């Protein structure tokens, strides 16, 4: 079969990154905020390349516990959007292949899978999504593996969070000579969806300028007085268990909390510990569109102890709590609330010297930095009202430790441990 010419539409800045033919450069990078078309553009170009010649494409991210959390959905959407692409692809639940050329796409998480990555052979193209979350050790292992083919390339896609992160140093501060790296944001995307435009305008009014600039304009996330947990959060590995698998005597917990999803909001759960004057968040579960009958298994796959301890969940969903108590989470219960319980919970969280979040919890890390108070747009004053966004994991943390909090009606905060 002869491949005829076809035309694909990409945002101009995205198109420039992929204008040179495969193998002309080693690195290509797209960074910026939400709605820029970064991932969609990369997916479409990769699908076109894989239909033009036989290649093996590795789609990687630091955290991937299922195919649904991979780049698979972006590729599927890109292929289905072009009938001439869809005609030559077999898209399964957990695989993606081009019937015309025999190209295949492989999906891997980097964390805890370094040996699996090292065993991969003949990778022609590597796409690293959410590259901000990838630590230096993963980059080193990945690069040592995927540049063995004559025309191998590595693409990175990310929303910058911290200046000096491994991907920032690698792709922006000290880019290789053979690299094309471009910032692209919503205003650079002529196909920017109407629904996202409405969300962006709403968040422009609600979020403080630093948070808005990070989410939508691709800016580094700077500390802001509007951040609810400003100055309290640190990301670090830790282990509450000793070598025999027993909880260390000076660790208290685990405490479990769950927040149910509504519409497009995620269902979340967390595993929380207290060690001295520090609160630790060890594991998370996070998924948008999680069906109730799949919830218990989803939680157990990510938080193995959650069925053995009390789980405190949002009491606004008593029917969901009742169902889960009979289907996999026998000790789940509705959390007790009181007037001002959110504010009391935040005050309690801030009473810790630090909130230490394990690197295995990327969504909680994001929320802990994005969770903000409203800001008066005219005066710049931080208001006492919390923005109802980036709070699903944080709400689950509050629910988990609710029994340790005494409400504001008692006049002060008390830790009961």
Protein backbone atom coordinates (compact mmCIF):
# COMPACT_ATOMS: atom_id res chain seq x y z
CA UNK A 1 0.00 0.00 0.00
CA UNK A 2 1.35 3.43 -0.91
CA UNK A 3 1.15 6.09 1.77
CA UNK A 4 -0.37 9.25 0.35
CA UNK A 5 0.09 12.71 1.80
CA UNK A 6 -2.09 13.68 4.71
CA UNK A 7 -2.54 16.91 6.65
CA UNK A 8 -2.69 17.21 10.41
CA UNK A 9 -3.48 20.36 12.36
CA UNK A 10 -1.28 21.32 15.30
CA UNK A 11 -0.79 24.52 17.29
CA UNK A 12 1.98 26.44 15.45
CA UNK A 13 4.48 26.26 18.32
CA UNK A 14 3.88 22.53 18.71
CA UNK A 15 4.29 22.04 14.96
CA UNK A 16 7.69 23.78 15.03
CA UNK A 17 9.01 21.33 17.60
CA UNK A 18 8.19 18.37 15.36
CA UNK A 19 8.99 19.99 12.00
CA UNK A 20 12.37 18.31 11.58
CA UNK A 21 12.29 14.66 10.46
CA UNK A 22 12.73 11.75 12.84
CA UNK A 23 16.33 11.37 13.96
CA UNK A 24 17.33 14.94 13.11
CA UNK A 25 17.54 15.72 16.84
CA UNK A 26 17.81 13.61 19.99
CA UNK A 27 15.52 15.59 22.31
CA UNK A 28 12.26 17.45 21.81
CA UNK A 29 10.45 19.13 24.69
CA UNK A 30 7.17 20.94 25.27
CA UNK A 31 6.48 22.71 28.55
CA UNK A 32 3.66 24.98 29.60
CA UNK A 33 0.30 25.21 31.27
CA UNK A 34 -3.06 23.54 30.91
CA UNK A 35 -4.88 23.51 27.57
CA UNK A 36 -1.82 24.14 25.41
CA UNK A 37 -2.16 21.04 23.24
CA UNK A 38 1.24 19.65 24.30
CA UNK A 39 0.17 16.06 24.89
CA UNK A 40 -2.34 15.96 22.04
CA UNK A 41 0.25 17.24 19.59
CA UNK A 42 2.89 14.75 20.69
CA UNK A 43 0.40 11.89 20.47
CA UNK A 44 -0.68 12.80 16.95
CA UNK A 45 2.87 13.17 15.63
CA UNK A 46 3.92 9.88 17.23
CA UNK A 47 0.96 8.10 15.63
CA UNK A 48 1.85 9.54 12.21
CA UNK A 49 5.50 8.53 12.53
CA UNK A 50 4.51 5.02 13.60
CA UNK A 51 2.27 4.70 10.54
CA UNK A 52 5.02 5.95 8.23
CA UNK A 53 7.64 3.37 9.25
CA UNK A 54 8.00 0.53 11.71
CA UNK A 55 9.18 1.81 15.09
CA UNK A 56 8.88 0.89 18.77
CA UNK A 57 7.56 3.69 20.95
CA UNK A 58 8.02 3.71 24.73
CA UNK A 59 5.47 5.89 26.55
CA UNK A 60 6.74 6.48 30.07
CA UNK A 61 5.83 8.42 33.15
CA UNK A 62 7.13 8.19 36.68
CA UNK A 63 3.90 6.81 38.14
CA UNK A 64 1.74 4.35 36.25
CA UNK A 65 -0.21 1.65 38.04
CA UNK A 66 -2.58 0.88 35.18
CA UNK A 67 -2.87 1.41 31.43
CA UNK A 68 -5.60 3.98 32.06
CA UNK A 69 -3.02 6.16 33.83
CA UNK A 70 -0.68 6.09 30.83
CA UNK A 71 -0.30 7.98 27.55
CA UNK A 72 -2.62 5.39 25.97
CA UNK A 73 -5.70 7.63 26.20
CA UNK A 74 -3.99 10.56 24.47
CA UNK A 75 -2.84 8.30 21.65
CA UNK A 76 -6.25 6.73 21.31
CA UNK A 77 -7.94 10.14 21.09
CA UNK A 78 -5.39 11.40 18.55
CA UNK A 79 -5.86 8.35 16.33
CA UNK A 80 -9.66 8.39 16.51
CA UNK A 81 -9.68 12.09 15.58
CA UNK A 82 -8.21 11.27 12.15
CA UNK A 83 -10.11 8.61 10.16
CA UNK A 84 -7.10 7.93 7.95
CA UNK A 85 -5.08 7.12 11.08
CA UNK A 86 -7.81 5.07 12.73
CA UNK A 87 -8.04 2.86 9.64
CA UNK A 88 -4.49 1.60 10.23
CA UNK A 89 -4.44 1.11 14.00
CA UNK A 90 -5.53 -1.65 16.35
CA UNK A 91 -6.35 0.06 19.63
CA UNK A 92 -7.06 -2.32 22.49
CA UNK A 93 -7.72 -1.82 26.16
CA UNK A 94 -4.05 -2.24 27.03
CA UNK A 95 -2.22 -2.16 23.69
CA UNK A 96 -1.81 -0.06 20.58
CA UNK A 97 -0.34 -1.24 17.26
CA UNK A 98 -0.19 -0.01 13.69
CA UNK A 99 -1.46 -2.67 11.30
CA UNK A 100 0.17 -0.99 8.31
CA UNK A 101 3.78 -0.97 9.57
CA UNK A 102 3.81 -3.23 12.61
CA UNK A 103 4.80 -0.36 14.90
CA UNK A 104 4.02 -0.92 18.57
CA UNK A 105 3.57 1.30 21.60
CA UNK A 106 4.79 0.19 25.04
CA UNK A 107 3.53 1.78 28.27
CA UNK A 108 5.64 1.78 31.43
CA UNK A 109 5.93 3.50 34.79
CA UNK A 110 9.51 4.40 35.69
CA UNK A 111 9.28 4.18 39.47
CA UNK A 112 9.98 0.66 40.74
CA UNK A 113 10.42 -0.56 37.14
CA UNK A 114 14.03 0.30 36.35
CA UNK A 115 14.94 -3.30 35.55
CA UNK A 116 11.91 -3.62 33.27
CA UNK A 117 12.95 -0.45 31.41
CA UNK A 118 16.55 -1.62 31.10
CA UNK A 119 15.39 -4.89 29.53
CA UNK A 120 13.61 -3.11 26.67
CA UNK A 121 15.40 -3.38 23.34
CA UNK A 122 15.32 -1.34 20.15
CA UNK A 123 13.34 1.67 21.34
CA UNK A 124 13.11 4.25 18.55
CA UNK A 125 11.04 6.90 20.32
CA UNK A 126 10.51 7.58 24.03
CA UNK A 127 7.76 9.92 25.20
CA UNK A 128 7.97 11.04 28.85
CA UNK A 129 4.69 12.56 30.00
CA UNK A 130 4.38 14.59 33.24
CA UNK A 131 8.17 14.81 33.12
CA UNK A 132 8.30 17.21 36.08
CA UNK A 133 7.67 14.20 38.36
CA UNK A 134 10.64 12.17 37.06
CA UNK A 135 13.67 12.17 39.43
CA UNK A 136 17.27 12.17 38.30
CA UNK A 137 17.78 8.45 38.94
CA UNK A 138 14.93 7.59 36.58
CA UNK A 139 16.28 9.92 33.90
CA UNK A 140 19.73 8.33 34.07
CA UNK A 141 18.34 4.80 33.80
CA UNK A 142 16.01 5.79 30.98
CA UNK A 143 18.58 7.62 28.87
CA UNK A 144 21.07 4.77 29.21
CA UNK A 145 18.47 2.46 27.65
CA UNK A 146 16.62 4.35 24.93
CA UNK A 147 19.39 5.91 22.85
CA UNK A 148 20.72 2.72 21.32
CA UNK A 149 19.01 2.99 17.96
CA UNK A 150 20.53 5.13 15.16
CA UNK A 151 17.61 7.60 15.10
CA UNK A 152 16.39 7.30 18.70
CA UNK A 153 14.64 10.32 20.18
CA UNK A 154 13.33 11.30 23.61
CA UNK A 155 10.39 13.68 24.00
CA UNK A 156 9.50 15.34 27.31
CA UNK A 157 6.14 16.94 28.11
CA UNK A 158 5.61 18.80 31.37
CA UNK A 159 4.10 21.70 33.30
CA UNK A 160 7.03 23.31 35.18
CA UNK A 161 6.72 23.34 38.94
CA UNK A 162 10.22 23.93 40.27
CA UNK A 163 13.15 25.70 38.71
CA UNK A 164 16.08 23.30 38.91
CA UNK A 165 14.03 20.10 38.76
CA UNK A 166 15.74 17.29 36.80
CA UNK A 167 13.73 17.92 33.63
CA UNK A 168 14.18 21.68 33.98
CA UNK A 169 17.97 21.35 34.24
CA UNK A 170 18.07 18.80 31.44
CA UNK A 171 15.77 20.49 28.92
CA UNK A 172 15.63 24.22 29.75
CA UNK A 173 18.63 25.34 31.78
CA UNK A 174 21.25 23.18 30.04
CA UNK A 175 19.61 21.73 26.92
CA UNK A 176 21.69 19.42 24.70
CA UNK A 177 22.80 20.78 21.36
CA UNK A 178 20.52 18.25 19.70
CA UNK A 179 17.35 19.54 21.38
CA UNK A 180 14.28 21.51 20.36
CA UNK A 181 12.42 22.81 23.40
CA UNK A 182 9.41 25.11 23.32
CA UNK A 183 7.09 26.75 25.84
CA UNK A 184 3.44 26.57 24.78
CA UNK A 185 0.35 27.73 26.66
CA UNK A 186 -3.40 27.99 26.16
CA UNK A 187 -3.16 31.24 24.21
CA UNK A 188 -0.87 29.46 21.69
CA UNK A 189 -3.52 26.82 20.99
CA UNK A 190 -6.00 27.81 18.25
CA UNK A 191 -8.00 24.67 19.11
CA UNK A 192 -8.38 25.59 22.80
CA UNK A 193 -11.68 23.97 23.93
CA UNK A 194 -14.58 26.18 24.97
CA UNK A 195 -15.06 24.21 28.18
CA UNK A 196 -11.46 24.82 29.24
CA UNK A 197 -11.83 28.49 28.37
CA UNK A 198 -14.70 28.75 30.83
CA UNK A 199 -12.68 26.93 33.50
CA UNK A 200 -9.66 29.15 32.90
CA UNK A 201 -11.70 32.33 33.28
CA UNK A 202 -13.26 31.05 36.48
CA UNK A 203 -9.92 30.09 37.95
CA UNK A 204 -8.41 33.41 36.94
CA UNK A 205 -10.94 35.01 39.26
CA UNK A 206 -10.53 32.48 42.06
CA UNK A 207 -6.84 31.61 42.18
CA UNK A 208 -4.02 33.77 43.46
CA UNK A 209 -1.79 35.08 40.67
CA UNK A 210 1.11 32.70 41.37
CA UNK A 211 -1.08 29.61 41.31
CA UNK A 212 -2.96 30.76 38.21
CA UNK A 213 0.31 31.48 36.42
CA UNK A 214 1.56 27.98 37.18
CA UNK A 215 -1.61 26.14 36.18
CA UNK A 216 -2.42 28.08 33.00
CA UNK A 217 0.66 30.04 31.95
CA UNK A 218 3.35 27.42 32.54
CA UNK A 219 5.19 29.45 35.19
CA UNK A 220 7.26 27.92 37.96
CA UNK A 221 5.16 27.52 41.08
CA UNK A 222 6.36 30.26 43.39
CA UNK A 223 5.53 30.37 47.08
CA UNK A 224 2.62 32.66 47.80
CA UNK A 225 0.95 34.01 50.90
CA UNK A 226 -2.28 32.67 49.42
CA UNK A 227 -1.11 29.05 49.60
CA UNK A 228 -2.97 27.37 52.47
CA UNK A 229 -0.01 25.16 53.41
CA UNK A 230 2.77 27.60 52.48
CA UNK A 231 6.08 26.76 54.14
CA UNK A 232 4.85 23.47 55.58
CA UNK A 233 5.29 20.92 52.80
CA UNK A 234 8.37 18.81 52.09
CA UNK A 235 8.66 15.87 49.67
CA UNK A 236 10.80 13.01 50.97
CA UNK A 237 10.84 9.22 51.21
CA UNK A 238 10.14 7.61 54.58
CA UNK A 239 9.10 4.24 56.01
CA UNK A 240 6.96 3.81 59.15
CA UNK A 241 7.86 0.08 59.30
CA UNK A 242 11.00 -1.58 60.66
CA UNK A 243 12.94 -4.41 59.02
CA UNK A 244 10.54 -6.99 60.49
CA UNK A 245 7.51 -5.29 58.98
CA UNK A 246 6.30 -3.90 62.30
CA UNK A 247 5.24 -0.30 62.83
CA UNK A 248 8.09 1.60 64.45
CA UNK A 249 7.27 2.40 68.09
CA UNK A 250 7.46 6.18 67.66
CA UNK A 251 5.09 6.28 64.66
CA UNK A 252 1.35 6.77 65.14
CA UNK A 253 -1.12 5.51 62.54
CA UNK A 254 -1.97 4.63 59.93
CA UNK A 255 -4.99 6.90 59.46
CA UNK A 256 -7.06 6.65 56.29
CA UNK A 257 -9.34 9.20 54.66
CA UNK A 258 -11.43 9.18 51.48
CA UNK A 259 -13.12 11.89 49.41
CA UNK A 260 -15.73 10.86 46.87
CA UNK A 261 -15.74 12.23 43.35
CA UNK A 262 -18.57 14.29 41.95
CA UNK A 263 -19.00 14.74 38.18
CA UNK A 264 -15.48 15.46 36.95
CA UNK A 265 -13.90 15.48 40.40
CA UNK A 266 -11.69 12.55 41.44
CA UNK A 267 -12.31 9.98 44.13
CA UNK A 268 -9.29 10.07 46.42
CA UNK A 269 -7.88 8.27 49.43
CA UNK A 270 -4.73 8.71 51.51
CA UNK A 271 -2.67 6.89 54.13
CA UNK A 272 -1.48 9.26 56.87
CA UNK A 273 1.02 8.86 59.74
CA UNK A 274 2.24 11.08 62.57
CA UNK A 275 5.85 10.99 63.74
CA UNK A 276 6.72 13.46 66.46
CA UNK A 277 5.64 16.91 65.35
CA UNK A 278 5.42 15.96 61.69
CA UNK A 279 2.53 14.63 59.64
CA UNK A 280 3.44 12.14 56.91
CA UNK A 281 1.42 11.12 53.84
CA UNK A 282 2.64 7.75 52.56
CA UNK A 283 0.19 6.59 49.87
CA UNK A 284 -2.59 7.97 47.72
CA UNK A 285 -5.31 6.76 45.38
CA UNK A 286 -6.72 9.20 42.82
CA UNK A 287 -9.05 8.65 39.89
CA UNK A 288 -11.65 10.63 37.97
CA UNK A 289 -14.70 8.64 36.88
CA UNK A 290 -14.16 5.79 39.32
CA UNK A 291 -17.25 3.58 39.47
CA UNK A 292 -18.46 2.72 42.94
CA UNK A 293 -18.28 -1.04 42.39
CA UNK A 294 -14.62 -0.69 41.36
CA UNK A 295 -13.65 1.57 44.25
CA UNK A 296 -12.62 -0.96 46.88
CA UNK A 297 -10.28 -2.84 44.54
CA UNK A 298 -8.82 0.39 43.22
CA UNK A 299 -8.05 1.52 46.76
CA UNK A 300 -6.60 -1.81 47.84
CA UNK A 301 -4.32 -1.94 44.82
CA UNK A 302 -2.79 1.38 45.83
CA UNK A 303 -3.19 1.42 49.62
CA UNK A 304 -2.82 -2.20 50.76
CA UNK A 305 -3.77 -1.69 54.43
CA UNK A 306 -6.92 0.32 53.85
CA UNK A 307 -9.33 -2.60 54.39
CA UNK A 308 -7.88 -3.41 57.84
CA UNK A 309 -8.32 -0.01 59.51
CA UNK A 310 -10.98 2.62 59.98
CA UNK A 311 -11.51 4.73 56.87
CA UNK A 312 -13.15 8.11 57.33
CA UNK A 313 -14.97 9.33 54.26
CA UNK A 314 -17.00 12.34 53.24
CA UNK A 315 -20.33 11.93 55.05
CA UNK A 316 -22.17 13.65 52.19
CA UNK A 317 -22.29 10.25 50.45
CA UNK A 318 -23.91 7.87 53.01
CA UNK A 319 -25.17 5.52 50.28
CA UNK A 320 -21.63 5.10 48.92
CA UNK A 321 -20.28 4.49 52.41
CA UNK A 322 -22.93 1.86 53.05
CA UNK A 323 -22.13 0.10 49.77
CA UNK A 324 -18.37 0.07 50.35
CA UNK A 325 -18.78 -1.21 53.91
CA UNK A 326 -20.38 -4.31 52.38
CA UNK A 327 -18.02 -4.56 49.41
CA UNK A 328 -14.40 -4.48 50.44
CA UNK A 329 -13.95 -1.67 52.98
CA UNK A 330 -15.69 -3.03 56.10
CA UNK A 331 -14.51 -0.27 58.45
CA UNK A 332 -15.41 2.75 56.35
CA UNK A 333 -17.53 5.38 58.12
CA UNK A 334 -18.79 8.89 57.51
CA UNK A 335 -16.58 11.60 58.96
CA UNK A 336 -18.02 13.79 61.67
CA UNK A 337 -18.25 17.44 60.70
CA UNK A 338 -19.09 20.59 62.62
CA UNK A 339 -19.40 24.31 61.81
CA UNK A 340 -15.93 25.48 60.87
CA UNK A 341 -14.51 21.97 60.54
CA UNK A 342 -12.61 22.86 57.36
CA UNK A 343 -10.90 25.83 58.98
CA UNK A 344 -10.17 23.80 62.12
CA UNK A 345 -8.68 21.07 59.98
CA UNK A 346 -6.42 23.51 58.17
CA UNK A 347 -5.31 25.05 61.45
CA UNK A 348 -4.51 21.57 62.73
CA UNK A 349 -2.50 20.72 59.59
CA UNK A 350 -0.53 23.93 59.94
CA UNK A 351 0.19 23.16 63.59
CA UNK A 352 2.66 20.47 62.49
CA UNK A 353 6.28 21.47 62.03
CA UNK A 354 6.16 19.86 58.60
CA UNK A 355 3.87 17.91 56.30
CA UNK A 356 6.09 15.30 54.66
CA UNK A 357 4.69 13.77 51.46
CA UNK A 358 6.21 10.63 49.97
CA UNK A 359 7.23 10.88 46.28
CA UNK A 360 4.74 8.07 45.57
CA UNK A 361 1.95 10.66 46.03
CA UNK A 362 2.23 13.08 43.07
CA UNK A 363 -1.39 14.27 43.19
CA UNK A 364 -1.15 15.10 46.89
CA UNK A 365 2.12 16.93 46.25
CA UNK A 366 0.43 19.03 43.57
CA UNK A 367 -2.58 19.82 45.72
CA UNK A 368 -0.46 20.72 48.75
CA UNK A 369 1.19 23.46 46.70
CA UNK A 370 -1.88 24.59 44.73
CA UNK A 371 -4.46 24.62 47.57
CA UNK A 372 -5.07 28.35 48.06
CA UNK A 373 -7.11 31.13 49.59
CA UNK A 374 -8.94 33.53 47.32
CA UNK A 375 -7.19 36.80 46.51
CA UNK A 376 -8.88 40.16 46.00
CA UNK A 377 -8.04 41.04 42.40
CA UNK A 378 -8.18 44.78 43.04
CA UNK A 379 -6.14 45.03 46.22
CA UNK A 380 -4.11 41.81 46.13
CA UNK A 381 -5.27 41.02 49.66
CA UNK A 382 -5.50 37.36 50.63
CA UNK A 383 -9.09 36.61 51.65
CA UNK A 384 -10.17 34.13 54.36
CA UNK A 385 -12.15 32.08 51.81
CA UNK A 386 -10.59 28.92 50.39
CA UNK A 387 -10.77 28.26 46.65
CA UNK A 388 -12.83 25.14 45.98
CA UNK A 389 -10.16 23.51 43.82
CA UNK A 390 -7.06 21.33 44.23
CA UNK A 391 -8.48 20.02 47.50
CA UNK A 392 -9.54 16.39 46.97
CA UNK A 393 -6.46 14.73 48.46
CA UNK A 394 -6.19 17.43 51.12
CA UNK A 395 -9.82 16.85 52.13
CA UNK A 396 -9.05 13.14 52.43
CA UNK A 397 -6.13 14.00 54.72
CA UNK A 398 -8.40 16.11 56.92
CA UNK A 399 -10.96 13.32 57.09
CA UNK A 400 -8.29 10.80 58.04
CA UNK A 401 -7.22 12.76 61.11
CA UNK A 402 -10.59 14.20 62.13
CA UNK A 403 -10.68 12.22 65.42
CA UNK A 404 -7.46 14.01 66.43
CA UNK A 405 -9.05 17.40 66.01
CA UNK A 406 -11.28 19.06 68.55
CA UNK A 407 -13.60 21.61 66.94
CA UNK A 408 -13.40 25.33 67.26
CA UNK A 409 -16.44 25.30 69.58
CA UNK A 410 -14.08 24.06 72.31
CA UNK A 411 -12.01 27.18 71.85
CA UNK A 412 -8.70 25.54 70.93
CA UNK A 413 -7.14 22.71 68.99
CA UNK A 414 -6.29 19.51 70.83
CA UNK A 415 -4.28 16.52 69.60
CA UNK A 416 -5.63 13.28 71.07
CA UNK A 417 -2.94 10.63 70.74
